[in-house]
C-alpha atoms as a PDB file:
ATOM      1  CA  UNK A   1      -5.310 -17.336 -21.316  1.00  0.00           C
ATOM      2  CA  UNK A   2      -6.097 -15.317 -24.405  1.00  0.00           C
ATOM      3  CA  UNK A   3      -6.492 -17.456 -27.518  1.00  0.00           C
ATOM      4  CA  UNK A   4      -5.382 -14.604 -29.783  1.00  0.00           C
ATOM      5  CA  UNK A   5      -2.134 -14.185 -27.814  1.00  0.00           C
ATOM      6  CA  UNK A   6      -1.431 -17.915 -28.055  1.00  0.00           C
ATOM      7  CA  UNK A   7      -1.960 -17.814 -31.813  1.00  0.00           C
ATOM      8  CA  UNK A   8       0.413 -14.866 -32.114  1.00  0.00           C
ATOM      9  CA  UNK A   9       3.112 -16.670 -30.123  1.00  0.00           C
ATOM     10  CA  UNK A  10       2.675 -19.815 -32.225  1.00  0.00           C
ATOM     11  CA  UNK A  11       2.767 -17.656 -35.398  1.00  0.00           C
ATOM     12  CA  UNK A  12      -0.524 -19.027 -36.652  1.00  0.00           C
ATOM     13  CA  UNK A  13      -1.294 -17.604 -40.099  1.00  0.00           C
ATOM     14  CA  UNK A  14      -4.495 -15.720 -40.874  1.00  0.00           C
ATOM     15  CA  UNK A  15      -6.883 -14.264 -38.306  1.00  0.00           C
ATOM     16  CA  UNK A  16      -5.850 -14.756 -34.710  1.00  0.00           C
ATOM     17  CA  UNK A  17      -9.364 -14.876 -33.235  1.00  0.00           C
ATOM     18  CA  UNK A  18     -11.030 -12.966 -30.454  1.00  0.00           C
ATOM     19  CA  UNK A  19      -9.702 -12.983 -26.890  1.00  0.00           C
ATOM     20  CA  UNK A  20     -11.326 -15.524 -24.584  1.00  0.00           C
ATOM     21  CA  UNK A  21     -11.658 -14.283 -21.044  1.00  0.00           C
ATOM     22  CA  UNK A  22     -11.708 -16.388 -17.909  1.00  0.00           C
ATOM     23  CA  UNK A  23     -15.205 -17.225 -16.724  1.00  0.00           C
ATOM     24  CA  UNK A  24     -14.522 -16.191 -13.136  1.00  0.00           C
ATOM     25  CA  UNK A  25     -13.214 -12.705 -13.942  1.00  0.00           C
ATOM     26  CA  UNK A  26     -13.821 -10.206 -11.130  1.00  0.00           C
ATOM     27  CA  UNK A  27     -13.529  -7.020 -13.178  1.00  0.00           C
ATOM     28  CA  UNK A  28     -14.504  -5.585 -16.542  1.00  0.00           C
ATOM     29  CA  UNK A  29     -12.926  -2.421 -17.916  1.00  0.00           C
ATOM     30  CA  UNK A  30     -14.130   0.096 -20.510  1.00  0.00           C
ATOM     31  CA  UNK A  31     -12.172   2.880 -22.115  1.00  0.00           C
ATOM     32  CA  UNK A  32     -13.856   5.982 -23.527  1.00  0.00           C
ATOM     33  CA  UNK A  33     -16.711   4.109 -25.190  1.00  0.00           C
ATOM     34  CA  UNK A  34     -19.255   1.475 -24.212  1.00  0.00           C
ATOM     35  CA  UNK A  35     -20.805   3.488 -21.370  1.00  0.00           C
ATOM     36  CA  UNK A  36     -22.778   6.674 -20.827  1.00  0.00           C
ATOM     37  CA  UNK A  37     -23.442   8.718 -17.684  1.00  0.00           C
ATOM     38  CA  UNK A  38     -26.831  10.230 -16.992  1.00  0.00           C
ATOM     39  CA  UNK A  39     -27.053  14.078 -16.993  1.00  0.00           C
ATOM     40  CA  UNK A  40     -27.258  14.155 -13.182  1.00  0.00           C
ATOM     41  CA  UNK A  41     -24.416  11.583 -12.987  1.00  0.00           C
ATOM     42  CA  UNK A  42     -26.406   9.387 -10.603  1.00  0.00           C
ATOM     43  CA  UNK A  43     -26.618   6.419 -12.952  1.00  0.00           C
ATOM     44  CA  UNK A  44     -24.540   4.817 -15.709  1.00  0.00           C
ATOM     45  CA  UNK A  45     -25.704   2.911 -18.783  1.00  0.00           C
ATOM     46  CA  UNK A  46     -23.487   0.386 -20.552  1.00  0.00           C
ATOM     47  CA  UNK A  47     -24.171   0.484 -24.286  1.00  0.00           C
ATOM     48  CA  UNK A  48     -22.043  -2.457 -25.490  1.00  0.00           C
ATOM     49  CA  UNK A  49     -25.107  -4.742 -25.781  1.00  0.00           C
ATOM     50  CA  UNK A  50     -23.774  -7.226 -23.246  1.00  0.00           C
ATOM     51  CA  UNK A  51     -26.913  -7.108 -21.154  1.00  0.00           C
ATOM     52  CA  UNK A  52     -25.586  -4.975 -18.282  1.00  0.00           C
ATOM     53  CA  UNK A  53     -27.843  -2.031 -19.061  1.00  0.00           C
ATOM     54  CA  UNK A  54     -28.493   0.834 -16.658  1.00  0.00           C
ATOM     55  CA  UNK A  55     -27.040   0.834 -13.131  1.00  0.00           C
ATOM     56  CA  UNK A  56     -27.855   3.219 -10.316  1.00  0.00           C
ATOM     57  CA  UNK A  57     -24.860   4.704  -8.530  1.00  0.00           C
ATOM     58  CA  UNK A  58     -25.185   4.611  -4.747  1.00  0.00           C
ATOM     59  CA  UNK A  59     -23.111   6.091  -1.976  1.00  0.00           C
ATOM     60  CA  UNK A  60     -20.973   9.220  -2.057  1.00  0.00           C
ATOM     61  CA  UNK A  61     -19.261  10.391  -5.203  1.00  0.00           C
ATOM     62  CA  UNK A  62     -17.774  13.563  -6.693  1.00  0.00           C
ATOM     63  CA  UNK A  63     -18.473  12.858 -10.353  1.00  0.00           C
ATOM     64  CA  UNK A  64     -20.400  16.104 -10.704  1.00  0.00           C
ATOM     65  CA  UNK A  65     -17.093  17.953 -10.253  1.00  0.00           C
ATOM     66  CA  UNK A  66     -15.551  16.480 -13.403  1.00  0.00           C
ATOM     67  CA  UNK A  67     -16.273  16.682 -17.093  1.00  0.00           C
ATOM     68  CA  UNK A  68     -16.845  13.424 -18.961  1.00  0.00           C
ATOM     69  CA  UNK A  69     -13.708  14.067 -21.009  1.00  0.00           C
ATOM     70  CA  UNK A  70     -11.643  13.732 -17.826  1.00  0.00           C
ATOM     71  CA  UNK A  71     -12.841  10.149 -17.269  1.00  0.00           C
ATOM     72  CA  UNK A  72     -10.318   7.866 -18.979  1.00  0.00           C
ATOM     73  CA  UNK A  73     -11.575   4.458 -17.848  1.00  0.00           C
ATOM     74  CA  UNK A  74     -14.584   2.858 -16.194  1.00  0.00           C
ATOM     75  CA  UNK A  75     -14.227  -0.454 -14.420  1.00  0.00           C
ATOM     76  CA  UNK A  76     -16.852  -2.799 -12.964  1.00  0.00           C
ATOM     77  CA  UNK A  77     -15.378  -4.653  -9.993  1.00  0.00           C
ATOM     78  CA  UNK A  78     -16.965  -7.567  -8.160  1.00  0.00           C
ATOM     79  CA  UNK A  79     -16.449  -7.747  -4.415  1.00  0.00           C
ATOM     80  CA  UNK A  80     -17.851 -10.117  -1.823  1.00  0.00           C
ATOM     81  CA  UNK A  81     -20.404  -7.505  -0.764  1.00  0.00           C
ATOM     82  CA  UNK A  82     -21.538  -6.429  -4.242  1.00  0.00           C
ATOM     83  CA  UNK A  83     -20.471  -4.701  -7.448  1.00  0.00           C
ATOM     84  CA  UNK A  84     -18.582  -1.416  -7.624  1.00  0.00           C
ATOM     85  CA  UNK A  85     -17.975   1.094 -10.411  1.00  0.00           C
ATOM     86  CA  UNK A  86     -14.497   2.626 -10.491  1.00  0.00           C
ATOM     87  CA  UNK A  87     -13.787   5.793 -12.473  1.00  0.00           C
ATOM     88  CA  UNK A  88     -10.249   6.696 -13.517  1.00  0.00           C
ATOM     89  CA  UNK A  89     -10.233  10.502 -13.685  1.00  0.00           C
ATOM     90  CA  UNK A  90      -7.427  12.669 -15.063  1.00  0.00           C
ATOM     91  CA  UNK A  91      -7.063  15.412 -12.459  1.00  0.00           C
ATOM     92  CA  UNK A  92      -4.230  17.136 -10.647  1.00  0.00           C
ATOM     93  CA  UNK A  93      -4.305  16.129  -6.982  1.00  0.00           C
ATOM     94  CA  UNK A  94      -1.332  18.192  -5.794  1.00  0.00           C
ATOM     95  CA  UNK A  95      -1.656  20.554  -2.843  1.00  0.00           C
ATOM     96  CA  UNK A  96       0.845  23.172  -1.762  1.00  0.00           C
ATOM     97  CA  UNK A  97       1.898  23.173   1.899  1.00  0.00           C
ATOM     98  CA  UNK A  98       4.654  25.143   3.572  1.00  0.00           C
ATOM     99  CA  UNK A  99       8.141  23.756   4.096  1.00  0.00           C
ATOM    100  CA  UNK A 100       9.196  22.957   7.667  1.00  0.00           C
ATOM    101  CA  UNK A 101      12.705  21.569   7.137  1.00  0.00           C
ATOM    102  CA  UNK A 102      11.821  18.559   9.279  1.00  0.00           C
ATOM    103  CA  UNK A 103      13.036  15.064   8.355  1.00  0.00           C
ATOM    104  CA  UNK A 104      12.013  11.713   9.762  1.00  0.00           C
ATOM    105  CA  UNK A 105      12.965   8.054   9.432  1.00  0.00           C
ATOM    106  CA  UNK A 106      10.564   5.138   9.879  1.00  0.00           C
ATOM    107  CA  UNK A 107      11.387   1.602  10.955  1.00  0.00           C
ATOM    108  CA  UNK A 108       8.490  -0.820  10.459  1.00  0.00           C
ATOM    109  CA  UNK A 109       8.166  -3.956  12.526  1.00  0.00           C
ATOM    110  CA  UNK A 110       5.895  -6.661  13.866  1.00  0.00           C
ATOM    111  CA  UNK A 111       5.848  -5.611  17.514  1.00  0.00           C
ATOM    112  CA  UNK A 112       5.133  -1.957  16.683  1.00  0.00           C
ATOM    113  CA  UNK A 113       3.716  -0.979  13.308  1.00  0.00           C
ATOM    114  CA  UNK A 114       6.466   1.618  12.990  1.00  0.00           C
ATOM    115  CA  UNK A 115       8.895   3.570  15.162  1.00  0.00           C
ATOM    116  CA  UNK A 116      10.161   6.943  13.944  1.00  0.00           C
ATOM    117  CA  UNK A 117      13.487   8.665  14.479  1.00  0.00           C
ATOM    118  CA  UNK A 118      11.929  10.956  17.126  1.00  0.00           C
ATOM    119  CA  UNK A 119      11.093   7.960  19.296  1.00  0.00           C
ATOM    120  CA  UNK A 120       7.339   7.866  18.621  1.00  0.00           C
ATOM    121  CA  UNK A 121       5.794   4.500  17.787  1.00  0.00           C
ATOM    122  CA  UNK A 122       2.450   3.244  16.551  1.00  0.00           C
ATOM    123  CA  UNK A 123       1.015  -0.070  17.762  1.00  0.00           C
ATOM    124  CA  UNK A 124       0.467  -2.879  15.297  1.00  0.00           C
ATOM    125  CA  UNK A 125      -3.339  -3.365  15.059  1.00  0.00           C
ATOM    126  CA  UNK A 126      -3.078  -7.002  13.854  1.00  0.00           C
ATOM    127  CA  UNK A 127      -6.449  -6.976  12.107  1.00  0.00           C
ATOM    128  CA  UNK A 128      -6.105 -10.508  10.744  1.00  0.00           C
ATOM    129  CA  UNK A 129      -5.116 -11.973  14.112  1.00  0.00           C
ATOM    130  CA  UNK A 130      -8.087 -10.304  15.797  1.00  0.00           C
ATOM    131  CA  UNK A 131     -10.506 -11.518  13.111  1.00  0.00           C
ATOM    132  CA  UNK A 132      -9.027 -15.011  12.810  1.00  0.00           C
ATOM    133  CA  UNK A 133     -11.605 -16.538  15.157  1.00  0.00           C
ATOM    134  CA  UNK A 134     -14.464 -15.318  12.961  1.00  0.00           C
ATOM    135  CA  UNK A 135     -12.655 -16.467   9.821  1.00  0.00           C
ATOM    136  CA  UNK A 136     -12.246 -19.981  11.208  1.00  0.00           C
ATOM    137  CA  UNK A 137     -15.924 -20.039  12.162  1.00  0.00           C
ATOM    138  CA  UNK A 138     -17.043 -19.099   8.640  1.00  0.00           C
ATOM    139  CA  UNK A 139     -14.524 -21.512   7.089  1.00  0.00           C
ATOM    140  CA  UNK A 140     -15.979 -24.386   9.097  1.00  0.00           C
ATOM    141  CA  UNK A 141     -19.454 -23.398   7.923  1.00  0.00           C
ATOM    142  CA  UNK A 142     -18.262 -23.590   4.316  1.00  0.00           C
ATOM    143  CA  UNK A 143     -16.660 -27.014   4.759  1.00  0.00           C
ATOM    144  CA  UNK A 144     -19.882 -28.456   6.209  1.00  0.00           C
ATOM    145  CA  UNK A 145     -22.065 -27.421   3.279  1.00  0.00           C
ATOM    146  CA  UNK A 146     -22.641 -29.634   0.287  1.00  0.00           C
ATOM    147  CA  UNK A 147     -20.612 -28.654  -2.751  1.00  0.00           C
ATOM    148  CA  UNK A 148     -22.675 -26.899  -5.408  1.00  0.00           C
ATOM    149  CA  UNK A 149     -25.553 -26.094  -3.049  1.00  0.00           C
ATOM    150  CA  UNK A 150     -26.996 -22.638  -2.546  1.00  0.00           C
ATOM    151  CA  UNK A 151     -26.218 -22.831   1.176  1.00  0.00           C
ATOM    152  CA  UNK A 152     -22.544 -23.349   0.375  1.00  0.00           C
ATOM    153  CA  UNK A 153     -22.561 -20.290  -1.887  1.00  0.00           C
ATOM    154  CA  UNK A 154     -24.056 -18.239   0.942  1.00  0.00           C
ATOM    155  CA  UNK A 155     -21.419 -19.529   3.356  1.00  0.00           C
ATOM    156  CA  UNK A 156     -18.635 -18.732   0.881  1.00  0.00           C
ATOM    157  CA  UNK A 157     -20.025 -15.218   0.496  1.00  0.00           C
ATOM    158  CA  UNK A 158     -20.041 -14.666   4.276  1.00  0.00           C
ATOM    159  CA  UNK A 159     -16.437 -15.862   4.451  1.00  0.00           C
ATOM    160  CA  UNK A 160     -15.504 -13.515   1.612  1.00  0.00           C
ATOM    161  CA  UNK A 161     -17.159 -10.574   3.382  1.00  0.00           C
ATOM    162  CA  UNK A 162     -15.110 -11.238   6.505  1.00  0.00           C
ATOM    163  CA  UNK A 163     -11.876 -11.316   4.502  1.00  0.00           C
ATOM    164  CA  UNK A 164     -12.921  -8.112   2.720  1.00  0.00           C
ATOM    165  CA  UNK A 165     -13.590  -6.375   6.040  1.00  0.00           C
ATOM    166  CA  UNK A 166     -10.106  -7.208   7.327  1.00  0.00           C
ATOM    167  CA  UNK A 167      -8.513  -6.100   4.061  1.00  0.00           C
ATOM    168  CA  UNK A 168     -10.316  -2.754   4.193  1.00  0.00           C
ATOM    169  CA  UNK A 169      -9.354  -2.214   7.826  1.00  0.00           C
ATOM    170  CA  UNK A 170      -5.685  -2.782   6.983  1.00  0.00           C
ATOM    171  CA  UNK A 171      -5.826  -0.471   3.949  1.00  0.00           C
ATOM    172  CA  UNK A 172      -7.584   2.346   5.818  1.00  0.00           C
ATOM    173  CA  UNK A 173      -5.144   2.094   8.728  1.00  0.00           C
ATOM    174  CA  UNK A 174      -2.137   2.358   6.401  1.00  0.00           C
ATOM    175  CA  UNK A 175      -3.720   5.280   4.544  1.00  0.00           C
ATOM    176  CA  UNK A 176      -4.503   7.230   7.718  1.00  0.00           C
ATOM    177  CA  UNK A 177      -1.029   6.808   9.202  1.00  0.00           C
ATOM    178  CA  UNK A 178       0.730   7.623   5.915  1.00  0.00           C
ATOM    179  CA  UNK A 179      -1.162  10.925   5.614  1.00  0.00           C
ATOM    180  CA  UNK A 180      -0.329  11.793   9.225  1.00  0.00           C
ATOM    181  CA  UNK A 181       3.365  11.090   8.654  1.00  0.00           C
ATOM    182  CA  UNK A 182       3.480  13.347   5.589  1.00  0.00           C
ATOM    183  CA  UNK A 183       1.530  16.363   6.771  1.00  0.00           C
ATOM    184  CA  UNK A 184      -0.800  15.997   9.768  1.00  0.00           C
ATOM    185  CA  UNK A 185      -0.331  17.507  13.216  1.00  0.00           C
ATOM    186  CA  UNK A 186      -1.686  14.434  14.946  1.00  0.00           C
ATOM    187  CA  UNK A 187      -0.545  10.878  15.752  1.00  0.00           C
ATOM    188  CA  UNK A 188       2.573  12.032  17.582  1.00  0.00           C
ATOM    189  CA  UNK A 189       3.759  14.604  15.009  1.00  0.00           C
ATOM    190  CA  UNK A 190       4.024  18.286  15.889  1.00  0.00           C
ATOM    191  CA  UNK A 191       4.364  19.373  12.263  1.00  0.00           C
ATOM    192  CA  UNK A 192       4.577  18.017   8.733  1.00  0.00           C
ATOM    193  CA  UNK A 193       7.747  16.368   7.429  1.00  0.00           C
ATOM    194  CA  UNK A 194       9.616  17.549   4.345  1.00  0.00           C
ATOM    195  CA  UNK A 195      11.537  14.289   3.995  1.00  0.00           C
ATOM    196  CA  UNK A 196      10.299  10.839   4.991  1.00  0.00           C
ATOM    197  CA  UNK A 197      12.707   7.902   4.843  1.00  0.00           C
ATOM    198  CA  UNK A 198      11.683   4.275   5.143  1.00  0.00           C
ATOM    199  CA  UNK A 199      13.083   0.823   4.468  1.00  0.00           C
ATOM    200  CA  UNK A 200      13.123  -0.563   0.948  1.00  0.00           C
ATOM    201  CA  UNK A 201      11.735  -3.914   2.062  1.00  0.00           C
ATOM    202  CA  UNK A 202      11.110  -6.785  -0.343  1.00  0.00           C
ATOM    203  CA  UNK A 203       7.930  -8.117   1.239  1.00  0.00           C
ATOM    204  CA  UNK A 204       7.651 -10.829  -1.411  1.00  0.00           C
ATOM    205  CA  UNK A 205      10.939 -12.289  -0.206  1.00  0.00           C
ATOM    206  CA  UNK A 206      10.214 -11.776   3.488  1.00  0.00           C
ATOM    207  CA  UNK A 207       7.022 -13.843   3.411  1.00  0.00           C
ATOM    208  CA  UNK A 208       9.047 -16.871   2.320  1.00  0.00           C
ATOM    209  CA  UNK A 209       9.788 -17.252   6.020  1.00  0.00           C
ATOM    210  CA  UNK A 210       6.797 -19.425   6.905  1.00  0.00           C
ATOM    211  CA  UNK A 211       7.138 -18.681  10.613  1.00  0.00           C
ATOM    212  CA  UNK A 212       6.531 -14.960  10.063  1.00  0.00           C
ATOM    213  CA  UNK A 213       4.586 -14.900   6.784  1.00  0.00           C
ATOM    214  CA  UNK A 214       1.169 -14.483   8.406  1.00  0.00           C
ATOM    215  CA  UNK A 215       2.336 -11.662  10.684  1.00  0.00           C
ATOM    216  CA  UNK A 216       4.156  -9.863   7.854  1.00  0.00           C
ATOM    217  CA  UNK A 217       1.117  -9.984   5.583  1.00  0.00           C
ATOM    218  CA  UNK A 218      -1.086  -8.842   8.461  1.00  0.00           C
ATOM    219  CA  UNK A 219       1.125  -5.797   9.105  1.00  0.00           C
ATOM    220  CA  UNK A 220       0.456  -4.263   5.682  1.00  0.00           C
ATOM    221  CA  UNK A 221       3.889  -2.752   5.071  1.00  0.00           C
ATOM    222  CA  UNK A 222       3.356  -2.585   1.306  1.00  0.00           C
ATOM    223  CA  UNK A 223       0.103  -0.635   1.656  1.00  0.00           C
ATOM    224  CA  UNK A 224       1.786   1.779   4.058  1.00  0.00           C
ATOM    225  CA  UNK A 225       4.654   2.449   1.650  1.00  0.00           C
ATOM    226  CA  UNK A 226       2.256   2.851  -1.273  1.00  0.00           C
ATOM    227  CA  UNK A 227       0.267   5.537   0.561  1.00  0.00           C
ATOM    228  CA  UNK A 228       3.428   7.264   1.776  1.00  0.00           C
ATOM    229  CA  UNK A 229       4.591   7.694  -1.803  1.00  0.00           C
ATOM    230  CA  UNK A 230       1.109   8.792  -2.901  1.00  0.00           C
ATOM    231  CA  UNK A 231       0.809  11.528  -0.272  1.00  0.00           C
ATOM    232  CA  UNK A 232       4.443  12.495  -0.799  1.00  0.00           C
ATOM    233  CA  UNK A 233       3.620  13.213  -4.445  1.00  0.00           C
ATOM    234  CA  UNK A 234       0.365  14.960  -3.557  1.00  0.00           C
ATOM    235  CA  UNK A 235       1.867  17.341  -0.991  1.00  0.00           C
ATOM    236  CA  UNK A 236       5.270  17.775  -2.645  1.00  0.00           C
ATOM    237  CA  UNK A 237       7.255  15.945   0.050  1.00  0.00           C
ATOM    238  CA  UNK A 238      10.371  13.849  -0.543  1.00  0.00           C
ATOM    239  CA  UNK A 239       9.966  10.123   0.169  1.00  0.00           C
ATOM    240  CA  UNK A 240      13.107   7.988   0.117  1.00  0.00           C
ATOM    241  CA  UNK A 241      13.377   4.194   0.306  1.00  0.00           C
ATOM    242  CA  UNK A 242      16.784   3.199   1.683  1.00  0.00           C
ATOM    243  CA  UNK A 243      18.677  -0.063   1.932  1.00  0.00           C
ATOM    244  CA  UNK A 244      17.690  -1.610   5.292  1.00  0.00           C
ATOM    245  CA  UNK A 245      20.890  -3.654   5.638  1.00  0.00           C
ATOM    246  CA  UNK A 246      22.455  -3.265   9.108  1.00  0.00           C
ATOM    247  CA  UNK A 247      20.179  -0.380  10.141  1.00  0.00           C
ATOM    248  CA  UNK A 248      19.419  -2.303  13.352  1.00  0.00           C
ATOM    249  CA  UNK A 249      23.035  -3.390  13.925  1.00  0.00           C
ATOM    250  CA  UNK A 250      24.872  -0.082  13.433  1.00  0.00           C
ATOM    251  CA  UNK A 251      24.997   2.432  16.258  1.00  0.00           C
ATOM    252  CA  UNK A 252      23.180   5.637  15.272  1.00  0.00           C
ATOM    253  CA  UNK A 253      25.617   7.693  17.388  1.00  0.00           C
ATOM    254  CA  UNK A 254      29.088   6.406  16.535  1.00  0.00           C
ATOM    255  CA  UNK A 255      28.450   4.005  13.651  1.00  0.00           C
ATOM    256  CA  UNK A 256      29.953   0.999  15.446  1.00  0.00           C
ATOM    257  CA  UNK A 257      28.448  -2.399  14.569  1.00  0.00           C
ATOM    258  CA  UNK A 258      26.663  -3.863  17.592  1.00  0.00           C
ATOM    259  CA  UNK A 259      25.479  -7.346  16.680  1.00  0.00           C
ATOM    260  CA  UNK A 260      22.199  -8.404  18.235  1.00  0.00           C
ATOM    261  CA  UNK A 261      19.604 -11.118  17.714  1.00  0.00           C
ATOM    262  CA  UNK A 262      15.953 -10.421  16.912  1.00  0.00           C
ATOM    263  CA  UNK A 263      15.060 -11.083  20.548  1.00  0.00           C
ATOM    264  CA  UNK A 264      17.343  -8.256  21.732  1.00  0.00           C
ATOM    265  CA  UNK A 265      15.096  -5.183  21.829  1.00  0.00           C
ATOM    266  CA  UNK A 266      17.556  -2.649  23.304  1.00  0.00           C
ATOM    267  CA  UNK A 267      20.561  -1.203  21.478  1.00  0.00           C
ATOM    268  CA  UNK A 268      23.504  -0.679  23.845  1.00  0.00           C
ATOM    269  CA  UNK A 269      26.826   0.598  22.501  1.00  0.00           C
ATOM    270  CA  UNK A 270      30.167   1.117  24.255  1.00  0.00           C
ATOM    271  CA  UNK A 271      29.997   4.803  23.263  1.00  0.00           C
ATOM    272  CA  UNK A 272      27.186   5.218  25.797  1.00  0.00           C
ATOM    273  CA  UNK A 273      24.285   5.190  23.354  1.00  0.00           C
ATOM    274  CA  UNK A 274      21.329   3.215  24.711  1.00  0.00           C
ATOM    275  CA  UNK A 275      18.117   3.232  22.675  1.00  0.00           C
ATOM    276  CA  UNK A 276      15.250   1.002  21.748  1.00  0.00           C
ATOM    277  CA  UNK A 277      16.294  -1.232  18.872  1.00  0.00           C
ATOM    278  CA  UNK A 278      13.660   0.172  16.476  1.00  0.00           C
ATOM    279  CA  UNK A 279      14.380   3.787  17.480  1.00  0.00           C
ATOM    280  CA  UNK A 280      18.075   3.274  16.703  1.00  0.00           C
ATOM    281  CA  UNK A 281      17.185   1.742  13.321  1.00  0.00           C
ATOM    282  CA  UNK A 282      14.854   4.653  12.465  1.00  0.00           C
ATOM    283  CA  UNK A 283      17.629   7.175  13.125  1.00  0.00           C
ATOM    284  CA  UNK A 284      19.987   5.202  10.865  1.00  0.00           C
ATOM    285  CA  UNK A 285      17.333   5.133   8.136  1.00  0.00           C
ATOM    286  CA  UNK A 286      16.884   8.902   8.343  1.00  0.00           C
ATOM    287  CA  UNK A 287      20.651   9.558   8.316  1.00  0.00           C
ATOM    288  CA  UNK A 288      21.140   7.255   5.333  1.00  0.00           C
ATOM    289  CA  UNK A 289      18.441   9.121   3.384  1.00  0.00           C
ATOM    290  CA  UNK A 290      19.866  12.555   4.253  1.00  0.00           C
ATOM    291  CA  UNK A 291      23.350  11.507   3.150  1.00  0.00           C
ATOM    292  CA  UNK A 292      21.893  10.759  -0.289  1.00  0.00           C
ATOM    293  CA  UNK A 293      19.349  13.550  -0.834  1.00  0.00           C
ATOM    294  CA  UNK A 294      21.040  16.539   0.788  1.00  0.00           C
ATOM    295  CA  UNK A 295      21.775  18.273   4.073  1.00  0.00           C
ATOM    296  CA  UNK A 296      19.224  18.788   6.791  1.00  0.00           C
ATOM    297  CA  UNK A 297      18.587  22.440   7.634  1.00  0.00           C
ATOM    298  CA  UNK A 298      20.157  23.958   4.506  1.00  0.00           C
ATOM    299  CA  UNK A 299      18.068  21.769   2.183  1.00  0.00           C
ATOM    300  CA  UNK A 300      20.552  21.541  -0.657  1.00  0.00           C
ATOM    301  CA  UNK A 301      18.841  18.483  -2.099  1.00  0.00           C
ATOM    302  CA  UNK A 302      19.799  16.161  -4.885  1.00  0.00           C
ATOM    303  CA  UNK A 303      17.973  17.145  -8.120  1.00  0.00           C
ATOM    304  CA  UNK A 304      17.109  13.483  -8.692  1.00  0.00           C
ATOM    305  CA  UNK A 305      15.149  13.325  -5.418  1.00  0.00           C
ATOM    306  CA  UNK A 306      12.091  15.465  -6.020  1.00  0.00           C
ATOM    307  CA  UNK A 307       8.790  15.667  -4.239  1.00  0.00           C
ATOM    308  CA  UNK A 308       7.029  14.503  -7.378  1.00  0.00           C
ATOM    309  CA  UNK A 309       8.432  10.979  -7.298  1.00  0.00           C
ATOM    310  CA  UNK A 310       9.491   8.573  -4.594  1.00  0.00           C
ATOM    311  CA  UNK A 311      13.259   8.163  -4.642  1.00  0.00           C
ATOM    312  CA  UNK A 312      14.721   4.680  -4.334  1.00  0.00           C
ATOM    313  CA  UNK A 313      18.433   4.267  -3.796  1.00  0.00           C
ATOM    314  CA  UNK A 314      20.290   2.208  -6.359  1.00  0.00           C
ATOM    315  CA  UNK A 315      21.323  -1.198  -5.153  1.00  0.00           C
ATOM    316  CA  UNK A 316      18.808  -1.221  -2.323  1.00  0.00           C
ATOM    317  CA  UNK A 317      17.375  -4.507  -1.181  1.00  0.00           C
ATOM    318  CA  UNK A 318      17.714  -7.188   1.455  1.00  0.00           C
ATOM    319  CA  UNK A 319      21.281  -8.288   0.771  1.00  0.00           C
ATOM    320  CA  UNK A 320      22.279  -8.843   4.391  1.00  0.00           C
ATOM    321  CA  UNK A 321      20.272 -10.045   7.392  1.00  0.00           C
ATOM    322  CA  UNK A 322      19.278  -7.354   9.843  1.00  0.00           C
END
């Protein structure tokens, strides 16, 4: 906790003191000053007299494309496999692509990562489940080492690297699929989508179910939504988060409520509609988004739902069980 903030809250008179940072901080951020790039932009020198000095930049980077004035922030981040330098660059990342008039709805789940309104589905990779055996192995190695010893630090680092690997796998998977949904011609999509609808899930509330918390966190729904909105902004597509209430219960053909438990995987309605449960939900999600943003085909869209920002319906949230 910052001492200066505490003094301000307690209305201590006089000088409030300097902020006191936590000892185990994993990042350090600089604004426009306190650092200097080399002319070839292959190294960075920190000039704040904190002892960091000159650091060589490894790997791939595109810093040579940008002027120093475009760099707003520089951050040093500590990861299990080393230190990283992050640059926050002010640049326009928008790309113009042609309109197709195609809309799609996505229903995320635990059995399949998502099922779209066209009936395509992507398998859930379950990165954490697959790497759990290795995690348990490294955790046992940590517990057997003496506290404070160098061998324990090495074991903790190996455990951290394994967690970092799984986290990166999950993030890259969500990023790849989100880009394909927005504009790619692969992963089951014949063309890009002008409107992408998905569930406005409250993952923080969902993980309170201790029976499903591990599987929900392993799925990476939040990362997937984050990248959908990012690529929607980049390529000028409309992304809409809709209320997921009853999307699995309502019939996508006639609108009749067909109650079903989570174990029931097929939607069967008396109107003759028979679909996979997730496929039916995806169609309902797409229809709910279209009813709010405009009309498919004519594309008379709501001015409030632009491709620049992700649109979230008012009152959305998990108010009723699915």
